[in-house]
Amino acid sequence: AKGVETLLPNADEARLLTGLTSVADAAAALSRRAGVAVVTLGGDGALVAEAGTVTARVPPVPARAVDSTGAGDAFTGAFLAARLAGADPVAAAAAGCGAGARAVATVGGRP
């Protein structure tokens, strides 16, 4: 994808975009098109892939999930804020996992 530096799909989106069944393979393939692909795995954290290789599996932040509304948006917002502040993709994904965990512990899309 020309001009794309980072892709942030969830696991289903990554598989759909690539036609691959393995989420890790899909993440790696997507990172060949963009420099970085971070695939969110819901309650299982996230995969970070760079330049065609999965470079990290970011663990989830424990949370008592009551509503998944807004979790992906929270992840993306925290990830992007961390990257803009200078964090590497793995640290940014960890920030995203933390924000996603806070989002699922709250009913509705806003705290």
C-alpha atoms as a PDB file:
ATOM      1  CA  ALA A   1       0.000   0.000   0.000  1.00  0.00           C
ATOM      2  CA  LYS A   2       1.834   3.046  -1.261  1.00  0.00           C
ATOM      3  CA  GLY A   3       2.149   5.796   1.325  1.00  0.00           C
ATOM      4  CA  VAL A   4       1.020   3.587   4.235  1.00  0.00           C
ATOM      5  CA  GLU A   5       3.440   3.320   7.139  1.00  0.00           C
ATOM      6  CA  THR A   6       1.311   1.411   9.661  1.00  0.00           C
ATOM      7  CA  LEU A   7      -1.701  -0.912   9.481  1.00  0.00           C
ATOM      8  CA  LEU A   8      -3.790  -1.648  12.584  1.00  0.00           C
ATOM      9  CA  PRO A   9      -6.273  -4.412  11.702  1.00  0.00           C
ATOM     10  CA  ASN A  10      -7.868  -6.882  14.054  1.00  0.00           C
ATOM     11  CA  ALA A  11      -7.244 -10.592  13.445  1.00  0.00           C
ATOM     12  CA  ASP A  12     -10.319 -11.085  11.256  1.00  0.00           C
ATOM     13  CA  GLU A  13      -9.471  -8.047   9.135  1.00  0.00           C
ATOM     14  CA  ALA A  14      -5.846  -9.179   8.730  1.00  0.00           C
ATOM     15  CA  ARG A  15      -6.964 -12.621   7.533  1.00  0.00           C
ATOM     16  CA  LEU A  16      -9.505 -11.087   5.153  1.00  0.00           C
ATOM     17  CA  LEU A  17      -6.994  -8.619   3.696  1.00  0.00           C
ATOM     18  CA  THR A  18      -4.417 -11.332   3.030  1.00  0.00           C
ATOM     19  CA  GLY A  19      -6.464 -14.463   2.446  1.00  0.00           C
ATOM     20  CA  LEU A  20      -4.233 -16.242   4.981  1.00  0.00           C
ATOM     21  CA  THR A  21      -5.606 -18.298   7.868  1.00  0.00           C
ATOM     22  CA  SER A  22      -2.696 -17.790  10.270  1.00  0.00           C
ATOM     23  CA  VAL A  23      -2.845 -14.423  12.004  1.00  0.00           C
ATOM     24  CA  ALA A  24       0.952 -14.358  12.354  1.00  0.00           C
ATOM     25  CA  ASP A  25       1.384 -15.034   8.629  1.00  0.00           C
ATOM     26  CA  ALA A  26      -1.190 -12.349   7.842  1.00  0.00           C
ATOM     27  CA  ALA A  27       0.596  -9.828  10.073  1.00  0.00           C
ATOM     28  CA  ALA A  28       3.920 -10.587   8.403  1.00  0.00           C
ATOM     29  CA  ALA A  29       2.395 -10.284   4.932  1.00  0.00           C
ATOM     30  CA  LEU A  30       0.737  -6.968   5.757  1.00  0.00           C
ATOM     31  CA  SER A  31       4.007  -5.578   7.102  1.00  0.00           C
ATOM     32  CA  ARG A  32       5.590  -6.246   3.719  1.00  0.00           C
ATOM     33  CA  ARG A  33       3.044  -3.821   2.205  1.00  0.00           C
ATOM     34  CA  ALA A  34       3.381  -1.236   4.977  1.00  0.00           C
ATOM     35  CA  GLY A  35       6.398  -0.951   7.217  1.00  0.00           C
ATOM     36  CA  VAL A  36       4.517  -1.977  10.361  1.00  0.00           C
ATOM     37  CA  ALA A  37       1.417  -4.090  10.933  1.00  0.00           C
ATOM     38  CA  VAL A  38      -0.035  -4.394  14.415  1.00  0.00           C
ATOM     39  CA  VAL A  39      -2.790  -6.984  14.572  1.00  0.00           C
ATOM     40  CA  THR A  40      -5.042  -6.809  17.605  1.00  0.00           C
ATOM     41  CA  LEU A  41      -6.080 -10.118  19.127  1.00  0.00           C
ATOM     42  CA  GLY A  42      -8.831  -9.005  21.492  1.00  0.00           C
ATOM     43  CA  GLY A  43      -8.228 -10.512  24.918  1.00  0.00           C
ATOM     44  CA  ASP A  44      -4.995 -12.103  23.682  1.00  0.00           C
ATOM     45  CA  GLY A  45      -3.029  -8.877  23.131  1.00  0.00           C
ATOM     46  CA  ALA A  46      -1.475  -7.966  19.795  1.00  0.00           C
ATOM     47  CA  LEU A  47       1.092  -9.049  17.230  1.00  0.00           C
ATOM     48  CA  VAL A  48       3.644  -6.580  15.888  1.00  0.00           C
ATOM     49  CA  ALA A  49       5.183  -7.266  12.482  1.00  0.00           C
ATOM     50  CA  GLU A  50       7.811  -5.186  10.769  1.00  0.00           C
ATOM     51  CA  ALA A  51       9.222  -5.552   7.253  1.00  0.00           C
ATOM     52  CA  GLY A  52       7.782  -9.038   6.763  1.00  0.00           C
ATOM     53  CA  THR A  53       8.553 -10.563  10.160  1.00  0.00           C
ATOM     54  CA  VAL A  54       6.557 -10.838  13.376  1.00  0.00           C
ATOM     55  CA  THR A  55       8.811  -9.045  15.845  1.00  0.00           C
ATOM     56  CA  ALA A  56       6.735  -9.224  19.027  1.00  0.00           C
ATOM     57  CA  ARG A  57       3.672 -10.658  20.679  1.00  0.00           C
ATOM     58  CA  VAL A  58       2.402  -8.052  23.108  1.00  0.00           C
ATOM     59  CA  PRO A  59       0.567  -9.617  26.050  1.00  0.00           C
ATOM     60  CA  PRO A  60      -2.905  -8.485  27.016  1.00  0.00           C
ATOM     61  CA  VAL A  61      -3.539  -6.279  30.004  1.00  0.00           C
ATOM     62  CA  PRO A  62      -5.854  -8.179  32.349  1.00  0.00           C
ATOM     63  CA  ALA A  63      -9.344  -6.729  32.506  1.00  0.00           C
ATOM     64  CA  ARG A  64     -12.833  -7.778  33.506  1.00  0.00           C
ATOM     65  CA  ALA A  65     -14.553  -7.343  30.175  1.00  0.00           C
ATOM     66  CA  VAL A  66     -18.105  -6.045  30.328  1.00  0.00           C
ATOM     67  CA  ASP A  67     -18.455  -4.416  26.886  1.00  0.00           C
ATOM     68  CA  SER A  68     -16.126  -4.485  23.874  1.00  0.00           C
ATOM     69  CA  THR A  69     -17.535  -1.242  22.436  1.00  0.00           C
ATOM     70  CA  GLY A  70     -14.680   1.137  21.664  1.00  0.00           C
ATOM     71  CA  ALA A  71     -11.834  -1.248  22.467  1.00  0.00           C
ATOM     72  CA  GLY A  72     -10.348  -1.103  18.971  1.00  0.00           C
ATOM     73  CA  ASP A  73     -10.634   2.676  18.831  1.00  0.00           C
ATOM     74  CA  ALA A  74      -9.023   2.972  22.268  1.00  0.00           C
ATOM     75  CA  PHE A  75      -6.171   0.705  21.130  1.00  0.00           C
ATOM     76  CA  THR A  76      -5.632   2.747  17.977  1.00  0.00           C
ATOM     77  CA  GLY A  77      -5.734   6.093  19.783  1.00  0.00           C
ATOM     78  CA  ALA A  78      -3.247   5.028  22.439  1.00  0.00           C
ATOM     79  CA  PHE A  79      -0.999   3.353  19.864  1.00  0.00           C
ATOM     80  CA  LEU A  80      -0.864   6.468  17.693  1.00  0.00           C
ATOM     81  CA  ALA A  81      -0.363   8.817  20.652  1.00  0.00           C
ATOM     82  CA  ALA A  82       2.551   6.678  21.861  1.00  0.00           C
ATOM     83  CA  ARG A  83       4.133   6.561  18.395  1.00  0.00           C
ATOM     84  CA  LEU A  84       3.830  10.336  18.023  1.00  0.00           C
ATOM     85  CA  ALA A  85       5.535  10.690  21.411  1.00  0.00           C
ATOM     86  CA  GLY A  86       8.474   8.597  20.136  1.00  0.00           C
ATOM     87  CA  ALA A  87       7.614   5.056  21.287  1.00  0.00           C
ATOM     88  CA  ASP A  88       8.656   2.118  19.154  1.00  0.00           C
ATOM     89  CA  PRO A  89       5.884  -0.097  17.713  1.00  0.00           C
ATOM     90  CA  VAL A  90       6.085  -2.666  20.525  1.00  0.00           C
ATOM     91  CA  ALA A  91       5.836  -0.074  23.308  1.00  0.00           C
ATOM     92  CA  ALA A  92       3.041   1.663  21.409  1.00  0.00           C
ATOM     93  CA  ALA A  93       1.161  -1.642  21.076  1.00  0.00           C
ATOM     94  CA  ALA A  94       1.535  -2.183  24.827  1.00  0.00           C
ATOM     95  CA  ALA A  95      -0.006   1.252  25.398  1.00  0.00           C
ATOM     96  CA  GLY A  96      -2.791   0.269  23.028  1.00  0.00           C
ATOM     97  CA  CYS A  97      -3.426  -2.956  24.930  1.00  0.00           C
ATOM     98  CA  GLY A  98      -3.718  -0.978  28.157  1.00  0.00           C
ATOM     99  CA  ALA A  99      -6.224   1.430  26.646  1.00  0.00           C
ATOM    100  CA  GLY A 100      -8.212  -1.432  25.137  1.00  0.00           C
ATOM    101  CA  ALA A 101      -8.345  -3.151  28.528  1.00  0.00           C
ATOM    102  CA  ARG A 102      -9.703   0.009  30.150  1.00  0.00           C
ATOM    103  CA  ALA A 103     -12.296   0.326  27.377  1.00  0.00           C
ATOM    104  CA  VAL A 104     -13.667  -3.216  27.758  1.00  0.00           C
ATOM    105  CA  ALA A 105     -14.044  -2.721  31.508  1.00  0.00           C
ATOM    106  CA  THR A 106     -16.517   0.124  30.878  1.00  0.00           C
ATOM    107  CA  VAL A 107     -20.036  -0.166  29.487  1.00  0.00           C
ATOM    108  CA  GLY A 108     -20.451   1.892  26.329  1.00  0.00           C
ATOM    109  CA  GLY A 109     -18.037   3.742  24.093  1.00  0.00           C
ATOM    110  CA  ARG A 110     -17.200   6.453  26.633  1.00  0.00           C
ATOM    111  CA  PRO A 111     -16.095   6.324  30.267  1.00  0.00           C
END
